[in-house]
C-alpha atoms as a PDB file:
ATOM      1  CA  UNK A   1      28.178  21.986  44.815  1.00  0.00           C
ATOM      2  CA  UNK A   2      28.611  21.149  48.494  1.00  0.00           C
ATOM      3  CA  UNK A   3      32.149  22.450  48.457  1.00  0.00           C
ATOM      4  CA  UNK A   4      31.093  25.745  46.947  1.00  0.00           C
ATOM      5  CA  UNK A   5      28.505  26.268  49.644  1.00  0.00           C
ATOM      6  CA  UNK A   6      30.833  25.286  52.471  1.00  0.00           C
ATOM      7  CA  UNK A   7      33.775  27.360  51.331  1.00  0.00           C
ATOM      8  CA  UNK A   8      32.253  30.804  51.996  1.00  0.00           C
ATOM      9  CA  UNK A   9      30.845  29.641  55.296  1.00  0.00           C
ATOM     10  CA  UNK A  10      34.144  28.115  56.288  1.00  0.00           C
ATOM     11  CA  UNK A  11      35.755  31.488  55.599  1.00  0.00           C
ATOM     12  CA  UNK A  12      33.141  33.157  57.805  1.00  0.00           C
ATOM     13  CA  UNK A  13      33.779  30.607  60.531  1.00  0.00           C
ATOM     14  CA  UNK A  14      37.533  31.197  60.463  1.00  0.00           C
ATOM     15  CA  UNK A  15      36.919  34.946  60.565  1.00  0.00           C
ATOM     16  CA  UNK A  16      34.653  34.497  63.587  1.00  0.00           C
ATOM     17  CA  UNK A  17      37.233  32.356  65.376  1.00  0.00           C
ATOM     18  CA  UNK A  18      39.905  34.978  64.583  1.00  0.00           C
ATOM     19  CA  UNK A  19      37.704  37.551  66.247  1.00  0.00           C
ATOM     20  CA  UNK A  20      37.537  35.348  69.262  1.00  0.00           C
ATOM     21  CA  UNK A  21      33.908  34.457  68.988  1.00  0.00           C
ATOM     22  CA  UNK A  22      33.771  30.711  69.023  1.00  0.00           C
ATOM     23  CA  UNK A  23      30.142  30.007  68.246  1.00  0.00           C
ATOM     24  CA  UNK A  24      29.371  26.373  67.366  1.00  0.00           C
ATOM     25  CA  UNK A  25      25.856  27.236  66.139  1.00  0.00           C
ATOM     26  CA  UNK A  26      26.856  28.667  62.750  1.00  0.00           C
ATOM     27  CA  UNK A  27      28.687  25.441  61.958  1.00  0.00           C
ATOM     28  CA  UNK A  28      25.606  23.385  62.841  1.00  0.00           C
ATOM     29  CA  UNK A  29      23.383  25.644  60.752  1.00  0.00           C
ATOM     30  CA  UNK A  30      25.805  25.303  57.903  1.00  0.00           C
ATOM     31  CA  UNK A  31      25.670  21.502  58.063  1.00  0.00           C
ATOM     32  CA  UNK A  32      21.888  21.395  58.339  1.00  0.00           C
ATOM     33  CA  UNK A  33      21.526  23.983  55.556  1.00  0.00           C
ATOM     34  CA  UNK A  34      23.926  21.982  53.431  1.00  0.00           C
ATOM     35  CA  UNK A  35      22.038  18.754  54.172  1.00  0.00           C
ATOM     36  CA  UNK A  36      18.660  20.333  53.441  1.00  0.00           C
ATOM     37  CA  UNK A  37      20.039  21.903  50.245  1.00  0.00           C
ATOM     38  CA  UNK A  38      21.415  18.522  49.209  1.00  0.00           C
ATOM     39  CA  UNK A  39      18.118  16.834  50.039  1.00  0.00           C
ATOM     40  CA  UNK A  40      16.206  19.560  48.197  1.00  0.00           C
ATOM     41  CA  UNK A  41      18.516  19.196  45.226  1.00  0.00           C
ATOM     42  CA  UNK A  42      18.094  15.399  45.253  1.00  0.00           C
ATOM     43  CA  UNK A  43      14.330  15.749  45.469  1.00  0.00           C
ATOM     44  CA  UNK A  44      14.375  18.223  42.601  1.00  0.00           C
ATOM     45  CA  UNK A  45      16.544  15.863  40.572  1.00  0.00           C
ATOM     46  CA  UNK A  46      14.197  12.943  41.347  1.00  0.00           C
ATOM     47  CA  UNK A  47      11.208  15.048  40.281  1.00  0.00           C
ATOM     48  CA  UNK A  48      12.978  15.936  37.042  1.00  0.00           C
ATOM     49  CA  UNK A  49      13.796  12.265  36.481  1.00  0.00           C
ATOM     50  CA  UNK A  50      10.188  11.296  37.178  1.00  0.00           C
ATOM     51  CA  UNK A  51       8.951  14.007  34.842  1.00  0.00           C
ATOM     52  CA  UNK A  52      11.326  12.956  32.089  1.00  0.00           C
ATOM     53  CA  UNK A  53      10.420   9.302  32.780  1.00  0.00           C
ATOM     54  CA  UNK A  54       6.719  10.114  32.506  1.00  0.00           C
ATOM     55  CA  UNK A  55       7.367  12.055  29.300  1.00  0.00           C
ATOM     56  CA  UNK A  56       9.309   9.093  27.945  1.00  0.00           C
ATOM     57  CA  UNK A  57       6.492   6.699  28.905  1.00  0.00           C
ATOM     58  CA  UNK A  58       3.944   8.989  27.212  1.00  0.00           C
ATOM     59  CA  UNK A  59       6.121   9.229  24.128  1.00  0.00           C
ATOM     60  CA  UNK A  60       6.562   5.448  24.003  1.00  0.00           C
ATOM     61  CA  UNK A  61       2.817   4.937  24.483  1.00  0.00           C
ATOM     62  CA  UNK A  62       2.190   7.341  21.594  1.00  0.00           C
ATOM     63  CA  UNK A  63       4.709   5.489  19.459  1.00  0.00           C
ATOM     64  CA  UNK A  64       3.091   2.160  20.387  1.00  0.00           C
ATOM     65  CA  UNK A  65      -0.314   3.502  19.309  1.00  0.00           C
ATOM     66  CA  UNK A  66       1.196   4.795  16.090  1.00  0.00           C
ATOM     67  CA  UNK A  67       2.812   1.395  15.479  1.00  0.00           C
ATOM     68  CA  UNK A  68      -0.541  -0.338  16.063  1.00  0.00           C
ATOM     69  CA  UNK A  69      -2.279   1.992  13.616  1.00  0.00           C
ATOM     70  CA  UNK A  70       0.494   1.500  11.074  1.00  0.00           C
ATOM     71  CA  UNK A  71       0.342  -2.261  11.553  1.00  0.00           C
ATOM     72  CA  UNK A  72      -3.412  -2.180  10.995  1.00  0.00           C
ATOM     73  CA  UNK A  73      -2.936  -0.103   7.847  1.00  0.00           C
ATOM     74  CA  UNK A  74      -0.276  -2.519   6.579  1.00  0.00           C
ATOM     75  CA  UNK A  75      -2.542  -5.501   7.262  1.00  0.00           C
ATOM     76  CA  UNK A  76      -5.392  -3.790   5.456  1.00  0.00           C
ATOM     77  CA  UNK A  77      -3.112  -3.011   2.521  1.00  0.00           C
ATOM     78  CA  UNK A  78      -1.940  -6.637   2.473  1.00  0.00           C
ATOM     79  CA  UNK A  79      -5.556  -7.842   2.407  1.00  0.00           C
ATOM     80  CA  UNK A  80      -6.399  -5.417  -0.394  1.00  0.00           C
ATOM     81  CA  UNK A  81      -3.283  -6.466  -2.287  1.00  0.00           C
ATOM     82  CA  UNK A  82      -4.286 -10.109  -1.956  1.00  0.00           C
ATOM     83  CA  UNK A  83      -7.810  -9.299  -3.140  1.00  0.00           C
ATOM     84  CA  UNK A  84      -6.366  -7.314  -6.039  1.00  0.00           C
ATOM     85  CA  UNK A  85      -4.068 -10.208  -6.973  1.00  0.00           C
ATOM     86  CA  UNK A  86      -7.041 -12.601  -6.900  1.00  0.00           C
ATOM     87  CA  UNK A  87      -9.070 -10.348  -9.186  1.00  0.00           C
ATOM     88  CA  UNK A  88      -6.121  -9.883 -11.532  1.00  0.00           C
ATOM     89  CA  UNK A  89      -5.707 -13.674 -11.710  1.00  0.00           C
ATOM     90  CA  UNK A  90      -9.418 -14.097 -12.476  1.00  0.00           C
ATOM     91  CA  UNK A  91      -9.219 -11.435 -15.159  1.00  0.00           C
ATOM     92  CA  UNK A  92      -6.136 -13.094 -16.643  1.00  0.00           C
ATOM     93  CA  UNK A  93      -8.072 -16.369 -16.834  1.00  0.00           C
ATOM     94  CA  UNK A  94     -11.028 -14.615 -18.472  1.00  0.00           C
ATOM     95  CA  UNK A  95      -8.742 -12.831 -20.925  1.00  0.00           C
ATOM     96  CA  UNK A  96      -7.101 -16.141 -21.833  1.00  0.00           C
ATOM     97  CA  UNK A  97     -10.536 -17.702 -22.438  1.00  0.00           C
ATOM     98  CA  UNK A  98     -11.596 -14.716 -24.563  1.00  0.00           C
ATOM     99  CA  UNK A  99      -8.359 -14.944 -26.531  1.00  0.00           C
ATOM    100  CA  UNK A 100      -8.963 -18.640 -27.215  1.00  0.00           C
ATOM    101  CA  UNK A 101     -12.539 -17.907 -28.309  1.00  0.00           C
ATOM    102  CA  UNK A 102     -11.338 -15.077 -30.547  1.00  0.00           C
ATOM    103  CA  UNK A 103      -8.802 -17.374 -32.211  1.00  0.00           C
ATOM    104  CA  UNK A 104     -11.502 -20.042 -32.791  1.00  0.00           C
ATOM    105  CA  UNK A 105     -13.923 -17.417 -34.118  1.00  0.00           C
ATOM    106  CA  UNK A 106     -11.284 -16.077 -36.473  1.00  0.00           C
ATOM    107  CA  UNK A 107     -10.622 -19.578 -37.815  1.00  0.00           C
ATOM    108  CA  UNK A 108     -14.360 -20.174 -38.303  1.00  0.00           C
ATOM    109  CA  UNK A 109     -14.804 -16.825 -40.045  1.00  0.00           C
ATOM    110  CA  UNK A 110     -11.889 -17.631 -42.354  1.00  0.00           C
ATOM    111  CA  UNK A 111     -13.359 -21.056 -43.206  1.00  0.00           C
ATOM    112  CA  UNK A 112     -16.770 -19.416 -43.722  1.00  0.00           C
ATOM    113  CA  UNK A 113     -15.222 -16.907 -46.120  1.00  0.00           C
ATOM    114  CA  UNK A 114     -13.628 -19.775 -48.072  1.00  0.00           C
ATOM    115  CA  UNK A 115     -17.012 -21.516 -48.311  1.00  0.00           C
ATOM    116  CA  UNK A 116     -18.664 -18.257 -49.447  1.00  0.00           C
ATOM    117  CA  UNK A 117     -16.048 -17.859 -52.178  1.00  0.00           C
ATOM    118  CA  UNK A 118     -16.688 -21.452 -53.269  1.00  0.00           C
ATOM    119  CA  UNK A 119     -20.438 -20.807 -53.265  1.00  0.00           C
ATOM    120  CA  UNK A 120     -20.010 -17.639 -55.303  1.00  0.00           C
ATOM    121  CA  UNK A 121     -17.852 -19.547 -57.760  1.00  0.00           C
ATOM    122  CA  UNK A 122     -20.429 -22.364 -57.953  1.00  0.00           C
ATOM    123  CA  UNK A 123     -23.217 -19.860 -58.397  1.00  0.00           C
ATOM    124  CA  UNK A 124     -21.478 -18.433 -61.411  1.00  0.00           C
ATOM    125  CA  UNK A 125     -21.103 -21.923 -62.827  1.00  0.00           C
ATOM    126  CA  UNK A 126     -24.739 -22.652 -61.986  1.00  0.00           C
ATOM    127  CA  UNK A 127     -25.868 -19.506 -63.766  1.00  0.00           C
ATOM    128  CA  UNK A 128     -24.047 -20.649 -66.881  1.00  0.00           C
ATOM    129  CA  UNK A 129     -25.605 -24.107 -66.623  1.00  0.00           C
ATOM    130  CA  UNK A 130     -29.088 -22.661 -66.104  1.00  0.00           C
ATOM    131  CA  UNK A 131     -28.548 -20.286 -69.013  1.00  0.00           C
ATOM    132  CA  UNK A 132     -27.451 -23.103 -71.270  1.00  0.00           C
ATOM    133  CA  UNK A 133     -30.424 -25.246 -70.209  1.00  0.00           C
ATOM    134  CA  UNK A 134     -32.883 -22.389 -70.848  1.00  0.00           C
ATOM    135  CA  UNK A 135     -31.245 -21.680 -74.193  1.00  0.00           C
ATOM    136  CA  UNK A 136     -31.461 -25.321 -75.227  1.00  0.00           C
ATOM    137  CA  UNK A 137     -35.037 -25.589 -73.971  1.00  0.00           C
ATOM    138  CA  UNK A 138     -36.021 -22.514 -75.944  1.00  0.00           C
ATOM    139  CA  UNK A 139     -34.464 -23.887 -79.118  1.00  0.00           C
ATOM    140  CA  UNK A 140     -35.959 -27.284 -78.355  1.00  0.00           C
ATOM    141  CA  UNK A 141     -39.469 -25.751 -78.160  1.00  0.00           C
ATOM    142  CA  UNK A 142     -38.860 -23.739 -81.368  1.00  0.00           C
ATOM    143  CA  UNK A 143     -37.575 -26.833 -83.104  1.00  0.00           C
ATOM    144  CA  UNK A 144     -40.606 -28.860 -81.997  1.00  0.00           C
ATOM    145  CA  UNK A 145     -42.903 -26.087 -83.152  1.00  0.00           C
ATOM    146  CA  UNK A 146     -41.160 -26.003 -86.552  1.00  0.00           C
ATOM    147  CA  UNK A 147     -41.424 -29.765 -86.851  1.00  0.00           C
ATOM    148  CA  UNK A 148     -45.095 -29.882 -86.105  1.00  0.00           C
ATOM    149  CA  UNK A 149     -45.962 -27.051 -88.011  1.00  0.00           C
END
């Protein structure tokens, strides 16, 4: 960029010296203008770098906040997952206990049904025995009445 700015002025300087006007002032102005333009350009570049640096810092701060929030959410999810696993384990234990009780109840119901069948069978036999006893008692009373009478 310096060369581009100096080239037209150098051409003007050589034209002025060809005309016979040797004026050292334009050369000094050219150097000071070039220096101030360079300084201005450097300052502008530094400002741009600062601005982009500040933008980068802001972006990184935003990302850091987002990471913290995400980390908190992950920790909360981990705690909830642990709590869920604990409750599932407790429920599994309760289900196992209920299953064991159901098996025992089923066995007891089956043995109770067997006893009921036996009782029903005995009752039928008992009815026959009672019927026979009543029949014999009735004939025994009739026989005794016939004998006495």
